[in-house]
């Protein structure tokens, strides 16, 4: 579960950077 959360956080981070 923690691993998935980390993935989501990373995705969110990249999304923020892209925007």
PDB file of N, CA and C in Angstrom:
ATOM      1  N   UNK A   1       0.843  -1.209   0.000  1.00  0.00           N
ATOM      2  CA  UNK A   1       0.000   0.000   0.000  1.00  0.00           C
ATOM      3  C   UNK A   1       0.875   1.255   0.000  1.00  0.00           C
ATOM      4  N   UNK A   2       1.923   1.211   0.791  1.00  0.00           N
ATOM      5  CA  UNK A   2       2.802   2.394   0.840  1.00  0.00           C
ATOM      6  C   UNK A   2       3.440   2.634  -0.533  1.00  0.00           C
ATOM      7  N   UNK A   3       3.810   1.549  -1.180  1.00  0.00           N
ATOM      8  CA  UNK A   3       4.438   1.675  -2.492  1.00  0.00           C
ATOM      9  C   UNK A   3       3.497   2.389  -3.459  1.00  0.00           C
ATOM     10  N   UNK A   4       2.230   2.002  -3.433  1.00  0.00           N
ATOM     11  CA  UNK A   4       1.267   2.632  -4.341  1.00  0.00           C
ATOM     12  C   UNK A   4       1.143   4.117  -4.024  1.00  0.00           C
ATOM     13  N   UNK A   5       1.117   4.439  -2.760  1.00  0.00           N
ATOM     14  CA  UNK A   5       0.992   5.848  -2.376  1.00  0.00           C
ATOM     15  C   UNK A   5       2.185   6.638  -2.915  1.00  0.00           C
ATOM     16  N   UNK A   6       3.362   6.040  -2.838  1.00  0.00           N
ATOM     17  CA  UNK A   6       4.561   6.715  -3.321  1.00  0.00           C
ATOM     18  C   UNK A   6       4.433   6.970  -4.823  1.00  0.00           C
ATOM     19  N   UNK A   7       3.942   5.967  -5.538  1.00  0.00           N
ATOM     20  CA  UNK A   7       3.752   6.115  -6.987  1.00  0.00           C
ATOM     21  C   UNK A   7       2.806   7.269  -7.286  1.00  0.00           C
ATOM     22  N   UNK A   8       1.723   7.326  -6.551  1.00  0.00           N
ATOM     23  CA  UNK A   8       0.740   8.397  -6.774  1.00  0.00           C
ATOM     24  C   UNK A   8       1.373   9.755  -6.478  1.00  0.00           C
ATOM     25  N   UNK A   9       2.128   9.828  -5.421  1.00  0.00           N
ATOM     26  CA  UNK A   9       2.780  11.097  -5.081  1.00  0.00           C
ATOM     27  C   UNK A   9       3.745  11.504  -6.180  1.00  0.00           C
ATOM     28  N   UNK A  10       4.474  10.555  -6.693  1.00  0.00           N
ATOM     29  CA  UNK A  10       5.427  10.850  -7.777  1.00  0.00           C
ATOM     30  C   UNK A  10       4.673  11.344  -9.008  1.00  0.00           C
ATOM     31  N   UNK A  11       3.573  10.670  -9.326  1.00  0.00           N
ATOM     32  CA  UNK A  11       2.780  11.074 -10.489  1.00  0.00           C
ATOM     33  C   UNK A  11       2.264  12.492 -10.292  1.00  0.00           C
ATOM     34  N   UNK A  12       1.766  12.767  -9.106  1.00  0.00           N
ATOM     35  CA  UNK A  12       1.247  14.099  -8.815  1.00  0.00           C
ATOM     36  C   UNK A  12       2.367  15.128  -8.953  1.00  0.00           C
ATOM     37  N   UNK A  13       3.544  14.782  -8.500  1.00  0.00           N
ATOM     38  CA  UNK A  13       4.685  15.692  -8.569  1.00  0.00           C
ATOM     39  C   UNK A  13       5.016  16.022 -10.027  1.00  0.00           C
ATOM     40  N   UNK A  14       5.078  14.992 -10.848  1.00  0.00           N
ATOM     41  CA  UNK A  14       5.382  15.211 -12.265  1.00  0.00           C
ATOM     42  C   UNK A  14       4.286  16.039 -12.923  1.00  0.00           C
ATOM     43  N   UNK A  15       3.046  15.758 -12.547  1.00  0.00           N
ATOM     44  CA  UNK A  15       1.925  16.505 -13.126  1.00  0.00           C
ATOM     45  C   UNK A  15       2.069  17.992 -12.793  1.00  0.00           C
ATOM     46  N   UNK A  16       2.453  18.268 -11.576  1.00  0.00           N
ATOM     47  CA  UNK A  16       2.618  19.659 -11.150  1.00  0.00           C
ATOM     48  C   UNK A  16       3.765  20.301 -11.941  1.00  0.00           C
ATOM     49  N   UNK A  17       4.821  19.562 -12.139  1.00  0.00           N
ATOM     50  CA  UNK A  17       5.972  20.101 -12.871  1.00  0.00           C
ATOM     51  C   UNK A  17       5.598  20.369 -14.319  1.00  0.00           C
ATOM     52  N   UNK A  18       4.850  19.452 -14.924  1.00  0.00           N
ATOM     53  CA  UNK A  18       4.438  19.620 -16.314  1.00  0.00           C
ATOM     54  C   UNK A  18       3.592  20.878 -16.473  1.00  0.00           C
ATOM     55  N   UNK A  19       2.713  21.089 -15.543  1.00  0.00           N
ATOM     56  CA  UNK A  19       1.835  22.258 -15.620  1.00  0.00           C
ATOM     57  C   UNK A  19       2.628  23.487 -15.197  1.00  0.00           C
TER      58      UNK A  19
END
